[in-house]
Amino acid sequence: MQGDQQQPGLSPFAMAYGGQTVWERAERDDAAFRFNDAMAADTAFLMPIVLRECAEVFRGLTSLVDVAGGLGGAAATIAAAFPDLKCTVLDLPQVVACKW
């Protein structure tokens, strides 16, 4: 690890994981599972608060695209609150296919 610390441009994350970027690390099944599970839990916790405190952001919209939206938890919550809003979720194929 000491050698990694002397390489300019490496992030602290890359230094901790042998030069891997966060995205390279996320491609590993064990890391991907933990990351996706944490994101889904965070979304389930935050979305009711977002809708309670910031619902005006969504009023008047006709469509919404959730980029990196995982399995669609945020979009589903928004769509339930605004049934006329067309929600689309985009994410990596392995995330959408639940390969984690």
N, C-alpha and C. Protein backbone atom coordinates (compact mmCIF):
# COMPACT_ATOMS: atom_id res chain seq x y z
N MET A 1 0.82 -1.19 0.00
CA MET A 1 0.00 0.00 0.00
C MET A 1 0.86 1.25 0.00
N GLN A 2 2.03 1.20 0.61
CA GLN A 2 2.87 2.38 0.66
C GLN A 2 3.24 2.84 -0.75
N GLY A 3 3.49 1.91 -1.65
CA GLY A 3 3.79 2.28 -3.03
C GLY A 3 2.62 2.97 -3.70
N ASP A 4 1.39 2.52 -3.41
CA ASP A 4 0.20 3.16 -3.97
C ASP A 4 0.08 4.60 -3.52
N GLN A 5 0.46 4.88 -2.29
CA GLN A 5 0.30 6.23 -1.76
C GLN A 5 1.18 7.23 -2.49
N GLN A 6 2.22 6.75 -3.14
CA GLN A 6 3.11 7.66 -3.83
C GLN A 6 2.69 7.88 -5.28
N GLN A 7 1.68 7.19 -5.75
CA GLN A 7 1.22 7.37 -7.11
C GLN A 7 0.27 8.56 -7.17
N PRO A 8 0.64 9.59 -7.94
CA PRO A 8 -0.25 10.75 -8.01
C PRO A 8 -1.56 10.40 -8.70
N GLY A 9 -2.61 11.03 -8.26
CA GLY A 9 -3.91 10.85 -8.90
C GLY A 9 -4.77 9.74 -8.33
N LEU A 10 -4.24 8.91 -7.46
CA LEU A 10 -5.05 7.85 -6.86
C LEU A 10 -5.93 8.43 -5.76
N SER A 11 -7.19 8.07 -5.81
CA SER A 11 -8.10 8.51 -4.75
C SER A 11 -7.83 7.69 -3.49
N PRO A 12 -8.29 8.17 -2.34
CA PRO A 12 -8.16 7.37 -1.13
C PRO A 12 -8.82 5.99 -1.28
N PHE A 13 -9.94 5.93 -1.99
CA PHE A 13 -10.61 4.65 -2.22
C PHE A 13 -9.69 3.71 -2.99
N ALA A 14 -9.10 4.21 -4.08
CA ALA A 14 -8.21 3.38 -4.90
C ALA A 14 -7.00 2.93 -4.09
N MET A 15 -6.49 3.79 -3.25
CA MET A 15 -5.35 3.40 -2.41
C MET A 15 -5.73 2.26 -1.46
N ALA A 16 -6.96 2.29 -0.97
CA ALA A 16 -7.41 1.26 -0.02
C ALA A 16 -7.71 -0.06 -0.72
N TYR A 17 -8.04 -0.02 -2.02
CA TYR A 17 -8.45 -1.23 -2.73
C TYR A 17 -7.54 -1.56 -3.90
N GLY A 18 -6.25 -1.41 -3.69
CA GLY A 18 -5.27 -1.87 -4.67
C GLY A 18 -5.35 -1.21 -6.02
N GLY A 19 -5.73 0.05 -6.06
CA GLY A 19 -5.80 0.79 -7.31
C GLY A 19 -7.13 0.72 -8.02
N GLN A 20 -8.08 -0.06 -7.51
CA GLN A 20 -9.40 -0.17 -8.14
C GLN A 20 -10.21 1.10 -7.91
N THR A 21 -10.97 1.50 -8.94
CA THR A 21 -11.92 2.59 -8.75
C THR A 21 -13.15 2.05 -8.04
N VAL A 22 -13.98 2.93 -7.55
CA VAL A 22 -15.22 2.50 -6.90
C VAL A 22 -16.07 1.68 -7.87
N TRP A 23 -16.03 2.02 -9.15
CA TRP A 23 -16.85 1.32 -10.15
C TRP A 23 -16.29 -0.06 -10.44
N GLU A 24 -14.96 -0.19 -10.49
CA GLU A 24 -14.35 -1.51 -10.68
C GLU A 24 -14.65 -2.40 -9.48
N ARG A 25 -14.57 -1.84 -8.32
CA ARG A 25 -14.86 -2.61 -7.09
C ARG A 25 -16.32 -3.05 -7.06
N ALA A 26 -17.22 -2.17 -7.51
CA ALA A 26 -18.66 -2.47 -7.48
C ALA A 26 -19.03 -3.60 -8.43
N GLU A 27 -18.17 -3.91 -9.39
CA GLU A 27 -18.45 -5.02 -10.31
C GLU A 27 -18.28 -6.38 -9.65
N ARG A 28 -17.59 -6.43 -8.53
CA ARG A 28 -17.43 -7.70 -7.80
C ARG A 28 -18.75 -8.03 -7.11
N ASP A 29 -19.13 -9.29 -7.16
CA ASP A 29 -20.43 -9.69 -6.62
C ASP A 29 -20.61 -9.32 -5.15
N ASP A 30 -19.60 -9.57 -4.31
CA ASP A 30 -19.76 -9.29 -2.89
C ASP A 30 -19.89 -7.79 -2.63
N ALA A 31 -19.10 -7.00 -3.32
CA ALA A 31 -19.17 -5.54 -3.14
C ALA A 31 -20.47 -5.00 -3.73
N ALA A 32 -20.87 -5.52 -4.87
CA ALA A 32 -22.09 -5.05 -5.52
C ALA A 32 -23.31 -5.32 -4.65
N PHE A 33 -23.36 -6.50 -4.05
CA PHE A 33 -24.50 -6.82 -3.20
C PHE A 33 -24.61 -5.84 -2.05
N ARG A 34 -23.50 -5.61 -1.36
CA ARG A 34 -23.53 -4.69 -0.21
C ARG A 34 -23.90 -3.27 -0.64
N PHE A 35 -23.33 -2.82 -1.75
CA PHE A 35 -23.61 -1.47 -2.24
C PHE A 35 -25.08 -1.32 -2.62
N ASN A 36 -25.59 -2.25 -3.43
CA ASN A 36 -26.98 -2.15 -3.89
C ASN A 36 -27.97 -2.30 -2.74
N ASP A 37 -27.66 -3.16 -1.80
CA ASP A 37 -28.52 -3.32 -0.63
C ASP A 37 -28.55 -2.04 0.20
N ALA A 38 -27.39 -1.42 0.37
CA ALA A 38 -27.33 -0.16 1.12
C ALA A 38 -28.08 0.95 0.41
N MET A 39 -27.96 1.02 -0.90
CA MET A 39 -28.67 2.05 -1.66
C MET A 39 -30.19 1.86 -1.56
N ALA A 40 -30.65 0.62 -1.65
CA ALA A 40 -32.09 0.35 -1.54
C ALA A 40 -32.61 0.72 -0.15
N ALA A 41 -31.85 0.40 0.88
CA ALA A 41 -32.26 0.75 2.25
C ALA A 41 -32.29 2.26 2.44
N ASP A 42 -31.30 2.94 1.90
CA ASP A 42 -31.25 4.40 1.99
C ASP A 42 -32.45 5.03 1.28
N THR A 43 -32.77 4.50 0.11
CA THR A 43 -33.92 5.00 -0.66
C THR A 43 -35.22 4.80 0.11
N ALA A 44 -35.40 3.62 0.67
CA ALA A 44 -36.63 3.34 1.43
C ALA A 44 -36.78 4.27 2.62
N PHE A 45 -35.67 4.63 3.24
CA PHE A 45 -35.70 5.56 4.37
C PHE A 45 -35.96 7.00 3.92
N LEU A 46 -35.30 7.42 2.85
CA LEU A 46 -35.34 8.83 2.46
C LEU A 46 -36.55 9.26 1.64
N MET A 47 -37.07 8.39 0.80
CA MET A 47 -38.12 8.83 -0.13
C MET A 47 -39.38 9.37 0.55
N PRO A 48 -39.87 8.79 1.63
CA PRO A 48 -41.02 9.40 2.30
C PRO A 48 -40.71 10.82 2.81
N ILE A 49 -39.48 11.04 3.24
CA ILE A 49 -39.07 12.37 3.70
C ILE A 49 -39.01 13.33 2.52
N VAL A 50 -38.42 12.87 1.42
CA VAL A 50 -38.33 13.70 0.22
C VAL A 50 -39.72 14.11 -0.25
N LEU A 51 -40.65 13.17 -0.29
CA LEU A 51 -42.01 13.50 -0.74
C LEU A 51 -42.72 14.42 0.24
N ARG A 52 -42.49 14.24 1.51
CA ARG A 52 -43.13 15.11 2.50
C ARG A 52 -42.56 16.53 2.43
N GLU A 53 -41.26 16.65 2.29
CA GLU A 53 -40.61 17.96 2.36
C GLU A 53 -40.44 18.65 1.01
N CYS A 54 -40.44 17.89 -0.08
CA CYS A 54 -40.09 18.47 -1.39
C CYS A 54 -41.05 18.06 -2.50
N ALA A 55 -42.27 17.72 -2.19
CA ALA A 55 -43.21 17.24 -3.21
C ALA A 55 -43.41 18.23 -4.33
N GLU A 56 -43.27 19.52 -4.03
CA GLU A 56 -43.49 20.55 -5.06
C GLU A 56 -42.52 20.39 -6.23
N VAL A 57 -41.38 19.77 -6.02
CA VAL A 57 -40.41 19.55 -7.09
C VAL A 57 -41.01 18.68 -8.19
N PHE A 58 -41.88 17.76 -7.83
CA PHE A 58 -42.44 16.81 -8.78
C PHE A 58 -43.76 17.29 -9.40
N ARG A 59 -44.40 18.26 -8.80
CA ARG A 59 -45.69 18.75 -9.33
C ARG A 59 -45.48 19.41 -10.69
N GLY A 60 -46.33 19.05 -11.63
CA GLY A 60 -46.26 19.63 -12.96
C GLY A 60 -45.36 18.87 -13.92
N LEU A 61 -44.58 17.94 -13.43
CA LEU A 61 -43.74 17.14 -14.32
C LEU A 61 -44.61 16.10 -15.04
N THR A 62 -44.22 15.79 -16.26
CA THR A 62 -44.93 14.73 -17.00
C THR A 62 -44.10 13.46 -17.07
N SER A 63 -42.78 13.60 -16.93
CA SER A 63 -41.91 12.42 -16.95
C SER A 63 -40.70 12.65 -16.07
N LEU A 64 -40.11 11.54 -15.62
CA LEU A 64 -38.94 11.57 -14.76
C LEU A 64 -38.08 10.37 -15.10
N VAL A 65 -36.77 10.58 -15.23
CA VAL A 65 -35.83 9.49 -15.46
C VAL A 65 -34.91 9.41 -14.25
N ASP A 66 -34.89 8.27 -13.61
CA ASP A 66 -34.01 8.03 -12.46
C ASP A 66 -32.78 7.29 -12.96
N VAL A 67 -31.70 8.04 -13.20
CA VAL A 67 -30.45 7.46 -13.68
C VAL A 67 -29.73 6.83 -12.49
N ALA A 68 -29.29 5.59 -12.68
CA ALA A 68 -28.69 4.80 -11.60
C ALA A 68 -29.71 4.54 -10.51
N GLY A 69 -30.94 4.27 -10.93
CA GLY A 69 -32.05 4.10 -10.01
C GLY A 69 -32.22 2.72 -9.42
N GLY A 70 -31.24 1.84 -9.61
CA GLY A 70 -31.31 0.51 -9.01
C GLY A 70 -32.53 -0.26 -9.49
N LEU A 71 -33.26 -0.82 -8.55
CA LEU A 71 -34.46 -1.59 -8.89
C LEU A 71 -35.71 -0.73 -8.92
N GLY A 72 -35.55 0.58 -8.79
CA GLY A 72 -36.68 1.48 -8.98
C GLY A 72 -37.44 1.87 -7.74
N GLY A 73 -36.85 1.71 -6.58
CA GLY A 73 -37.55 2.06 -5.34
C GLY A 73 -37.96 3.52 -5.27
N ALA A 74 -37.06 4.42 -5.64
CA ALA A 74 -37.39 5.85 -5.60
C ALA A 74 -38.46 6.17 -6.63
N ALA A 75 -38.29 5.66 -7.84
CA ALA A 75 -39.27 5.93 -8.89
C ALA A 75 -40.64 5.36 -8.54
N ALA A 76 -40.68 4.19 -7.94
CA ALA A 76 -41.97 3.59 -7.55
C ALA A 76 -42.67 4.44 -6.49
N THR A 77 -41.90 4.96 -5.54
CA THR A 77 -42.48 5.80 -4.49
C THR A 77 -43.02 7.09 -5.09
N ILE A 78 -42.26 7.68 -6.00
CA ILE A 78 -42.69 8.92 -6.66
C ILE A 78 -43.92 8.66 -7.52
N ALA A 79 -43.90 7.56 -8.28
CA ALA A 79 -45.03 7.22 -9.15
C ALA A 79 -46.31 6.98 -8.34
N ALA A 80 -46.18 6.39 -7.17
CA ALA A 80 -47.35 6.15 -6.32
C ALA A 80 -47.94 7.48 -5.84
N ALA A 81 -47.08 8.44 -5.56
CA ALA A 81 -47.55 9.74 -5.08
C ALA A 81 -48.06 10.62 -6.22
N PHE A 82 -47.55 10.40 -7.43
CA PHE A 82 -47.93 11.20 -8.60
C PHE A 82 -48.28 10.25 -9.74
N PRO A 83 -49.49 9.69 -9.73
CA PRO A 83 -49.84 8.64 -10.69
C PRO A 83 -49.81 9.07 -12.16
N ASP A 84 -49.90 10.36 -12.44
CA ASP A 84 -49.84 10.83 -13.83
C ASP A 84 -48.41 11.05 -14.32
N LEU A 85 -47.44 10.88 -13.46
CA LEU A 85 -46.04 11.08 -13.80
C LEU A 85 -45.45 9.77 -14.34
N LYS A 86 -44.93 9.82 -15.57
CA LYS A 86 -44.30 8.62 -16.16
C LYS A 86 -42.87 8.55 -15.65
N CYS A 87 -42.55 7.47 -14.94
CA CYS A 87 -41.21 7.29 -14.37
C CYS A 87 -40.47 6.18 -15.11
N THR A 88 -39.21 6.45 -15.44
CA THR A 88 -38.34 5.49 -16.10
C THR A 88 -37.08 5.33 -15.24
N VAL A 89 -36.62 4.10 -15.11
CA VAL A 89 -35.42 3.82 -14.32
C VAL A 89 -34.34 3.27 -15.25
N LEU A 90 -33.15 3.84 -15.15
CA LEU A 90 -31.99 3.35 -15.91
C LEU A 90 -30.91 2.91 -14.93
N ASP A 91 -30.32 1.76 -15.18
CA ASP A 91 -29.18 1.32 -14.38
C ASP A 91 -28.39 0.30 -15.18
N LEU A 92 -27.31 -0.15 -14.61
CA LEU A 92 -26.45 -1.14 -15.27
C LEU A 92 -27.19 -2.46 -15.43
N PRO A 93 -26.88 -3.21 -16.49
CA PRO A 93 -27.58 -4.48 -16.72
C PRO A 93 -27.53 -5.44 -15.53
N GLN A 94 -26.39 -5.56 -14.87
CA GLN A 94 -26.30 -6.49 -13.75
C GLN A 94 -27.14 -6.05 -12.56
N VAL A 95 -27.38 -4.76 -12.43
CA VAL A 95 -28.24 -4.27 -11.34
C VAL A 95 -29.69 -4.58 -11.67
N VAL A 96 -30.09 -4.26 -12.89
CA VAL A 96 -31.47 -4.49 -13.31
C VAL A 96 -31.81 -5.98 -13.29
N ALA A 97 -30.84 -6.82 -13.64
CA ALA A 97 -31.06 -8.27 -13.66
C ALA A 97 -30.96 -8.90 -12.27
N CYS A 98 -30.71 -8.09 -11.26
CA CYS A 98 -30.59 -8.57 -9.87
C CYS A 98 -29.51 -9.63 -9.72
N LYS A 99 -28.39 -9.44 -10.36
CA LYS A 99 -27.29 -10.39 -10.24
C LYS A 99 -26.42 -10.05 -9.04
N TRP A 100 -27.06 -9.73 -7.96
CA TRP A 100 -26.34 -9.41 -6.71
C TRP A 100 -27.09 -9.95 -5.61
